[in-house]
Protein backbone atom coordinates (compact mmCIF):
# COMPACT_ATOMS: atom_id res chain seq x y z
CA UNK A 1 6.24 -17.98 -36.26
CA UNK A 2 3.65 -19.15 -33.72
CA UNK A 3 6.29 -21.00 -31.65
CA UNK A 4 8.64 -18.01 -31.76
CA UNK A 5 5.87 -15.76 -30.47
CA UNK A 6 4.94 -18.21 -27.71
CA UNK A 7 8.59 -18.70 -26.74
CA UNK A 8 9.04 -14.93 -26.51
CA UNK A 9 5.97 -14.63 -24.29
CA UNK A 10 7.08 -17.60 -22.17
CA UNK A 11 10.39 -15.86 -21.46
CA UNK A 12 8.88 -12.59 -20.24
CA UNK A 13 8.80 -13.66 -16.58
CA UNK A 14 12.10 -11.93 -15.76
CA UNK A 15 10.90 -8.66 -17.31
CA UNK A 16 7.58 -9.07 -15.51
CA UNK A 17 9.33 -9.44 -12.17
CA UNK A 18 11.30 -6.25 -12.83
CA UNK A 19 8.10 -4.36 -13.67
CA UNK A 20 6.39 -5.73 -10.54
CA UNK A 21 9.29 -4.59 -8.34
CA UNK A 22 9.42 -1.18 -10.03
CA UNK A 23 5.65 -0.87 -9.58
CA UNK A 24 5.88 -1.47 -5.84
CA UNK A 25 8.76 1.00 -5.53
CA UNK A 26 6.96 3.71 -7.55
CA UNK A 27 3.62 3.27 -5.75
CA UNK A 28 5.15 3.25 -2.26
CA UNK A 29 7.45 6.22 -2.90
CA UNK A 30 4.71 8.26 -4.56
CA UNK A 31 1.89 7.46 -2.15
CA UNK A 32 4.33 7.76 0.76
CA UNK A 33 5.29 11.27 -0.36
CA UNK A 34 1.62 12.21 -0.77
CA UNK A 35 0.94 11.29 2.86
CA UNK A 36 2.66 14.60 3.73
CA UNK A 37 -0.04 16.51 1.81
CA UNK A 38 -3.27 17.32 3.71
CA UNK A 39 -5.72 16.08 1.04
CA UNK A 40 -4.14 12.61 1.06
CA UNK A 41 -4.02 12.52 4.86
CA UNK A 42 -7.68 13.60 4.96
CA UNK A 43 -8.55 10.78 2.56
CA UNK A 44 -7.39 8.00 4.87
CA UNK A 45 -9.29 9.28 7.91
CA UNK A 46 -12.32 6.95 7.50
CA UNK A 47 -10.03 3.91 7.20
CA UNK A 48 -7.99 4.75 10.30
CA UNK A 49 -10.93 6.03 12.36
CA UNK A 50 -12.92 2.80 11.82
CA UNK A 51 -10.04 0.37 12.28
CA UNK A 52 -10.04 -1.43 15.63
CA UNK A 53 -6.23 -1.62 15.33
CA UNK A 54 -5.51 1.96 14.26
CA UNK A 55 -8.24 4.25 15.59
CA UNK A 56 -6.30 4.84 18.83
CA UNK A 57 -3.70 6.69 16.74
CA UNK A 58 -6.23 9.52 16.34
CA UNK A 59 -7.35 11.73 19.19
CA UNK A 60 -11.05 11.87 18.24
CA UNK A 61 -11.72 9.17 15.63
CA UNK A 62 -15.44 8.98 16.38
CA UNK A 63 -15.94 12.59 15.19
CA UNK A 64 -14.44 12.19 11.71
CA UNK A 65 -17.74 12.29 9.75
CA UNK A 66 -18.35 15.87 10.92
CA UNK A 67 -14.97 17.03 9.55
CA UNK A 68 -14.65 15.58 6.05
CA UNK A 69 -12.79 17.59 3.41
CA UNK A 70 -13.28 16.39 -0.17
CA UNK A 71 -10.23 16.19 -2.42
CA UNK A 72 -9.36 19.72 -3.48
CA UNK A 73 -11.60 21.31 -0.85
CA UNK A 74 -10.38 23.41 2.05
CA UNK A 75 -12.67 24.02 4.99
CA UNK A 76 -10.44 25.69 7.59
CA UNK A 77 -12.43 24.31 10.56
CA UNK A 78 -12.03 20.77 9.24
CA UNK A 79 -8.31 21.32 8.66
CA UNK A 80 -7.97 22.50 12.26
CA UNK A 81 -9.87 19.45 13.52
CA UNK A 82 -7.51 17.21 11.54
CA UNK A 83 -4.52 18.95 13.11
CA UNK A 84 -5.97 18.41 16.60
CA UNK A 85 -7.00 14.84 15.74
CA UNK A 86 -3.39 13.86 14.84
CA UNK A 87 -4.50 13.13 11.27
CA UNK A 88 -1.40 14.76 9.80
CA UNK A 89 1.02 13.45 12.41
CA UNK A 90 -0.10 9.88 11.75
CA UNK A 91 -0.09 10.41 7.96
CA UNK A 92 3.48 11.74 8.11
CA UNK A 93 4.63 8.65 10.03
CA UNK A 94 2.82 6.41 7.56
CA UNK A 95 4.47 8.31 4.71
CA UNK A 96 7.91 7.67 6.19
CA UNK A 97 7.07 3.96 6.52
CA UNK A 98 5.82 3.70 2.93
CA UNK A 99 8.88 5.49 1.55
CA UNK A 100 11.19 3.25 3.59
CA UNK A 101 9.41 0.15 2.28
CA UNK A 102 9.69 1.43 -1.29
CA UNK A 103 13.42 1.93 -0.82
CA UNK A 104 13.87 -1.50 0.77
CA UNK A 105 12.07 -3.24 -2.08
CA UNK A 106 14.14 -1.18 -4.54
CA UNK A 107 17.59 -2.14 -3.17
CA UNK A 108 17.08 -5.77 -4.12
CA UNK A 109 20.31 -6.12 -6.12
CA UNK A 110 22.53 -4.60 -3.41
CA UNK A 111 20.83 -5.85 -0.24
CA UNK A 112 18.58 -8.81 -1.09
CA UNK A 113 18.00 -9.90 2.51
CA UNK A 114 16.90 -6.42 3.59
CA UNK A 115 14.79 -6.17 0.44
CA UNK A 116 13.14 -9.50 1.28
CA UNK A 117 12.18 -8.14 4.72
CA UNK A 118 10.82 -5.02 3.02
CA UNK A 119 8.64 -7.21 0.81
CA UNK A 120 7.43 -9.17 3.85
CA UNK A 121 6.41 -5.86 5.47
CA UNK A 122 4.63 -4.82 2.25
CA UNK A 123 2.72 -8.11 2.38
CA UNK A 124 1.70 -7.49 6.00
CA UNK A 125 0.73 -3.89 5.23
CA UNK A 126 -1.56 -5.06 2.42
CA UNK A 127 -3.28 -7.43 4.86
CA UNK A 128 -3.96 -4.43 7.09
CA UNK A 129 -5.21 -2.37 4.17
CA UNK A 130 -7.52 -5.14 2.98
CA UNK A 131 -9.02 -5.30 6.48
CA UNK A 132 -10.54 -1.87 5.73
CA UNK A 133 -13.07 -3.64 3.49
CA UNK A 134 -14.50 -5.11 6.69
CA UNK A 135 -14.03 -2.20 9.09
CA UNK A 136 -14.80 0.87 6.95
CA UNK A 137 -18.43 1.52 6.02
CA UNK A 138 -17.27 4.00 3.35
CA UNK A 139 -15.75 1.07 1.40
CA UNK A 140 -19.25 0.25 0.16
CA UNK A 141 -21.77 2.27 -1.83
CA UNK A 142 -24.13 3.93 0.67
CA UNK A 143 -27.90 3.54 0.51
CA UNK A 144 -29.00 6.92 -0.77
CA UNK A 145 -31.58 6.52 -3.53
CA UNK A 146 -30.21 3.80 -5.81
CA UNK A 147 -30.94 0.08 -5.42
CA UNK A 148 -27.27 -0.94 -5.72
CA UNK A 149 -25.65 -0.36 -2.35
CA UNK A 150 -23.71 -2.27 0.28
CA UNK A 151 -21.93 -5.53 -0.51
CA UNK A 152 -20.77 -6.27 -3.27
CA UNK A 153 -20.93 -2.68 -4.58
CA UNK A 154 -17.55 -1.14 -3.84
CA UNK A 155 -17.29 2.63 -3.48
CA UNK A 156 -14.29 4.58 -4.77
CA UNK A 157 -12.55 3.94 -1.45
CA UNK A 158 -13.38 0.23 -1.61
CA UNK A 159 -12.05 -0.08 -5.15
CA UNK A 160 -8.85 1.62 -4.03
CA UNK A 161 -8.45 -0.88 -1.18
CA UNK A 162 -9.24 -3.96 -3.30
CA UNK A 163 -6.26 -3.21 -5.55
CA UNK A 164 -4.01 -4.19 -2.66
CA UNK A 165 -4.67 -7.84 -3.54
CA UNK A 166 -2.40 -7.24 -6.56
CA UNK A 167 0.27 -5.58 -4.42
CA UNK A 168 0.04 -8.52 -2.01
CA UNK A 169 0.74 -10.98 -4.84
CA UNK A 170 3.55 -8.77 -6.14
CA UNK A 171 5.16 -8.67 -2.69
CA UNK A 172 5.23 -12.48 -2.61
CA UNK A 173 7.08 -12.47 -5.94
CA UNK A 174 9.57 -9.81 -4.79
CA UNK A 175 10.23 -11.48 -1.45
CA UNK A 176 10.82 -14.82 -3.19
CA UNK A 177 13.11 -13.23 -5.77
CA UNK A 178 15.11 -11.43 -3.05
CA UNK A 179 15.46 -14.59 -0.97
CA UNK A 180 16.66 -16.50 -4.07
CA UNK A 181 19.25 -13.82 -4.84
CA UNK A 182 20.46 -13.82 -1.23
CA UNK A 183 20.89 -17.61 -1.26
CA UNK A 184 22.62 -17.50 -4.65
CA UNK A 185 25.03 -14.81 -3.42
CA UNK A 186 25.72 -16.79 -0.23
CA UNK A 187 26.44 -19.94 -2.23
CA UNK A 188 28.76 -18.02 -4.57
CA UNK A 189 30.70 -16.60 -1.60
CA UNK A 190 31.11 -20.10 -0.13
CA UNK A 191 32.42 -21.47 -3.43
CA UNK A 192 34.77 -18.49 -3.87
CA UNK A 193 36.10 -18.88 -0.31
CA UNK A 194 37.19 -22.48 -0.97
């Protein structure tokens, strides 16, 4: 009984890989679609505004703290600032990228080489996202009145970013699996052609 259970668990790697791939596809399609909604676009403003690589994509990144909308909150003046800041234009482009990556990772069986490149891009994107832990002050609990603030006390935004370590690992698995399938298919075509 014990060996049967352990053997069953030991053979779950294929199912695990399928769940990992499905997870990347679901997360990227869902979050990508949400980038077209103002509350989600508003939520990434601190990350983009503080990034030395991305802040130039906004028109007035240095002013973002004066125009924060909380999730579910609508302050028309802040919405107007976000329109003028290119917050929504950038978020829409990011949404298109995320959806495209989700699709690329998802077409693994039909286009493994393209899917592998999609997974490589997911890996690179997670590196960029993880850089927000360094560049975004809002990733850490602020010093208000409590004694626990700053490093290592992650804020809600910081906890959200840290999860990308898991997506990074998953993208390595999916890129490896796609490359293996591509090589297997190529070998099969060579054998069939003989």
